[in-house]
Amino acid sequence: MGGHMVFHSRNKHHYRPSSNKQTQLAKARAYDLQQNATDSELALKRILEQNGINFYFQYAIIRKDRFHIVDFCFPRGLKTYLIVEIDGGYHLTDKQKDKDSKRTKWLYDHTGCELIRFTNEQILGNLQVCFDKIVNNSILYNKTPNVLKMTG
């Protein structure tokens, strides 16, 4: 699992030094996503902060010549162990579902992390339920990562 990571957390920017062009692209993209967060991302971010949950917002996972920026990730020590993605309506198309599936596989293969997906509607309509799902998953984390998707 080599490579550099760039992460943003609670408006504090932390970078591991690298002159790698890929790292620079990831850094710029993560910053842009953070500055243009959706209402659902901001709502989840706010409830996590209010409850003192340790997380990274718009976190870039970089491996060799490729990177993916995840909406939220939750660390334990030096290792990330839970990723949360919030999907907009375009994620319902067949083409995007295929991309998401490949992205999820890549993230799992390169981090071994569990990944939970919520829709914008789930976050905005049932924020407490989504928050509870994250907190319960974080507490009950086991060593066999799964990809979960909230229903309803």
Protein backbone atom coordinates (compact mmCIF):
# COMPACT_ATOMS: atom_id res chain seq x y z
CA MET A 1 0.00 0.00 0.00
CA GLY A 2 2.57 2.57 -1.03
CA GLY A 3 1.82 6.08 -2.17
CA HIS A 4 1.15 9.47 -0.73
CA MET A 5 -2.03 10.72 0.86
CA VAL A 6 -3.48 14.19 0.99
CA PHE A 7 -6.33 14.97 3.28
CA HIS A 8 -8.49 17.85 4.36
CA SER A 9 -10.13 17.94 7.75
CA ARG A 10 -12.31 20.58 9.35
CA ASN A 11 -10.85 23.37 7.21
CA LYS A 12 -7.32 22.40 8.22
CA HIS A 13 -5.16 21.24 5.35
CA HIS A 14 -2.60 18.51 5.92
CA TYR A 15 -0.27 17.39 3.16
CA ARG A 16 2.41 14.77 3.12
CA PRO A 17 5.28 16.24 1.12
CA SER A 18 5.60 15.15 -2.48
CA SER A 19 6.51 16.74 -5.77
CA ASN A 20 4.48 14.10 -7.57
CA LYS A 21 2.16 15.67 -10.16
CA GLN A 22 -0.61 13.24 -9.19
CA THR A 23 -0.43 14.48 -5.60
CA GLN A 24 -0.70 18.07 -6.77
CA LEU A 25 -3.78 17.23 -8.88
CA ALA A 26 -5.38 15.39 -5.95
CA LYS A 27 -4.65 18.27 -3.61
CA ALA A 28 -6.25 20.82 -5.95
CA ARG A 29 -9.29 18.62 -6.64
CA ALA A 30 -9.87 17.85 -2.94
CA TYR A 31 -9.67 21.55 -2.09
CA ASP A 32 -12.15 22.39 -4.85
CA LEU A 33 -14.59 19.73 -3.64
CA GLN A 34 -14.29 20.99 -0.09
CA GLN A 35 -15.02 24.55 -1.16
CA ASN A 36 -18.05 23.44 -3.22
CA ALA A 37 -19.57 20.92 -0.82
CA THR A 38 -23.19 19.91 -1.31
CA ASP A 39 -25.92 20.57 1.25
CA SER A 40 -25.94 16.89 2.22
CA GLU A 41 -22.15 16.82 2.69
CA LEU A 42 -22.31 19.95 4.84
CA ALA A 43 -25.16 18.53 6.93
CA LEU A 44 -23.24 15.33 7.66
CA LYS A 45 -20.02 17.25 8.30
CA ARG A 46 -21.84 19.50 10.79
CA ILE A 47 -23.38 16.64 12.80
CA LEU A 48 -20.04 14.79 12.90
CA GLU A 49 -18.26 17.91 14.17
CA GLN A 50 -21.00 18.63 16.73
CA ASN A 51 -20.55 15.13 18.13
CA GLY A 52 -16.76 15.22 18.24
CA ILE A 53 -16.29 12.46 15.66
CA ASN A 54 -12.78 12.27 14.16
CA PHE A 55 -13.00 12.31 10.37
CA TYR A 56 -11.44 13.62 7.18
CA PHE A 57 -13.56 15.50 4.65
CA GLN A 58 -12.79 15.17 0.93
CA TYR A 59 -9.89 12.80 1.49
CA ALA A 60 -7.62 11.89 -1.43
CA ILE A 61 -6.43 8.30 -1.60
CA ILE A 62 -3.45 8.18 -3.95
CA ARG A 63 -1.77 5.06 -5.27
CA LYS A 64 0.85 5.16 -7.99
CA ASP A 65 -0.71 6.94 -10.99
CA ARG A 66 -4.30 7.07 -9.75
CA PHE A 67 -6.30 8.75 -7.03
CA HIS A 68 -9.86 8.89 -5.73
CA ILE A 69 -11.29 11.48 -3.42
CA VAL A 70 -13.81 10.15 -0.94
CA ASP A 71 -16.39 12.34 0.78
CA PHE A 72 -15.60 11.22 4.34
CA CYS A 73 -13.24 8.79 5.94
CA PHE A 74 -12.83 7.79 9.53
CA PRO A 75 -9.38 6.87 10.85
CA ARG A 76 -8.29 4.61 13.64
CA GLY A 77 -4.72 5.45 14.54
CA LEU A 78 -2.76 5.77 11.32
CA LYS A 79 -5.15 3.62 9.29
CA THR A 80 -8.41 4.57 7.63
CA TYR A 81 -11.08 2.00 8.32
CA LEU A 82 -14.38 3.44 7.11
CA ILE A 83 -15.25 5.46 4.01
CA VAL A 84 -18.59 7.20 3.53
CA GLU A 85 -19.77 8.41 0.15
CA ILE A 86 -22.83 10.59 -0.48
CA ASP A 87 -24.34 10.01 -3.91
CA GLY A 88 -26.34 12.51 -5.94
CA GLY A 89 -29.08 11.57 -8.39
CA TYR A 90 -26.67 10.93 -11.27
CA HIS A 91 -25.39 7.88 -9.38
CA LEU A 92 -28.63 6.11 -10.32
CA THR A 93 -27.72 5.82 -14.00
CA ASP A 94 -26.38 2.49 -15.24
CA LYS A 95 -23.17 4.11 -16.48
CA GLN A 96 -22.51 5.77 -13.11
CA LYS A 97 -23.42 2.61 -11.19
CA ASP A 98 -20.76 0.78 -13.20
CA LYS A 99 -18.19 3.52 -12.46
CA ASP A 100 -19.12 3.48 -8.77
CA SER A 101 -18.73 -0.29 -8.64
CA LYS A 102 -15.23 -0.09 -10.16
CA ARG A 103 -14.31 2.77 -7.85
CA THR A 104 -15.56 0.85 -4.81
CA LYS A 105 -13.49 -2.18 -5.85
CA TRP A 106 -10.40 0.01 -6.33
CA LEU A 107 -10.90 1.61 -2.91
CA TYR A 108 -11.34 -1.78 -1.26
CA ASP A 109 -8.33 -3.26 -3.06
CA HIS A 110 -6.10 -0.33 -2.08
CA THR A 111 -7.31 0.37 1.45
CA GLY A 112 -9.23 -2.68 2.68
CA CYS A 113 -11.77 -0.20 4.04
CA GLU A 114 -15.44 -0.70 4.55
CA LEU A 115 -17.51 1.69 2.43
CA ILE A 116 -21.02 2.96 3.11
CA ARG A 117 -23.02 4.86 0.51
CA PHE A 118 -25.88 7.19 1.28
CA THR A 119 -27.98 9.21 -1.14
CA ASN A 120 -28.44 12.95 -0.77
CA GLU A 121 -32.07 12.25 0.08
CA GLN A 122 -31.14 9.84 2.87
CA ILE A 123 -28.80 12.38 4.45
CA LEU A 124 -31.18 15.32 4.15
CA GLY A 125 -34.29 13.32 5.08
CA ASN A 126 -32.89 11.08 7.84
CA LEU A 127 -29.64 12.65 9.02
CA GLN A 128 -29.82 11.09 12.48
CA VAL A 129 -30.35 7.59 11.03
CA CYS A 130 -27.33 8.03 8.74
CA PHE A 131 -25.23 9.40 11.60
CA ASP A 132 -26.21 6.45 13.81
CA LYS A 133 -25.29 4.02 11.01
CA ILE A 134 -21.82 5.58 10.75
CA VAL A 135 -21.24 5.65 14.51
CA ASN A 136 -22.52 2.10 15.02
CA ASN A 137 -20.42 0.85 12.13
CA SER A 138 -17.34 2.61 13.50
CA ILE A 139 -17.80 1.08 16.94
CA LEU A 140 -18.55 -2.40 15.66
CA TYR A 141 -15.86 -2.36 12.95
CA ASN A 142 -14.55 -5.80 12.18
CA LYS A 143 -11.62 -7.01 10.11
CA THR A 144 -13.72 -8.17 7.14
CA PRO A 145 -14.66 -5.07 5.11
CA ASN A 146 -18.01 -5.05 3.35
CA VAL A 147 -19.68 -2.61 1.02
CA LEU A 148 -22.91 -1.49 2.58
CA LYS A 149 -25.74 0.53 1.08
CA MET A 150 -28.52 1.98 3.18
CA THR A 151 -31.98 1.13 2.00
CA GLY A 152 -35.01 3.31 2.33
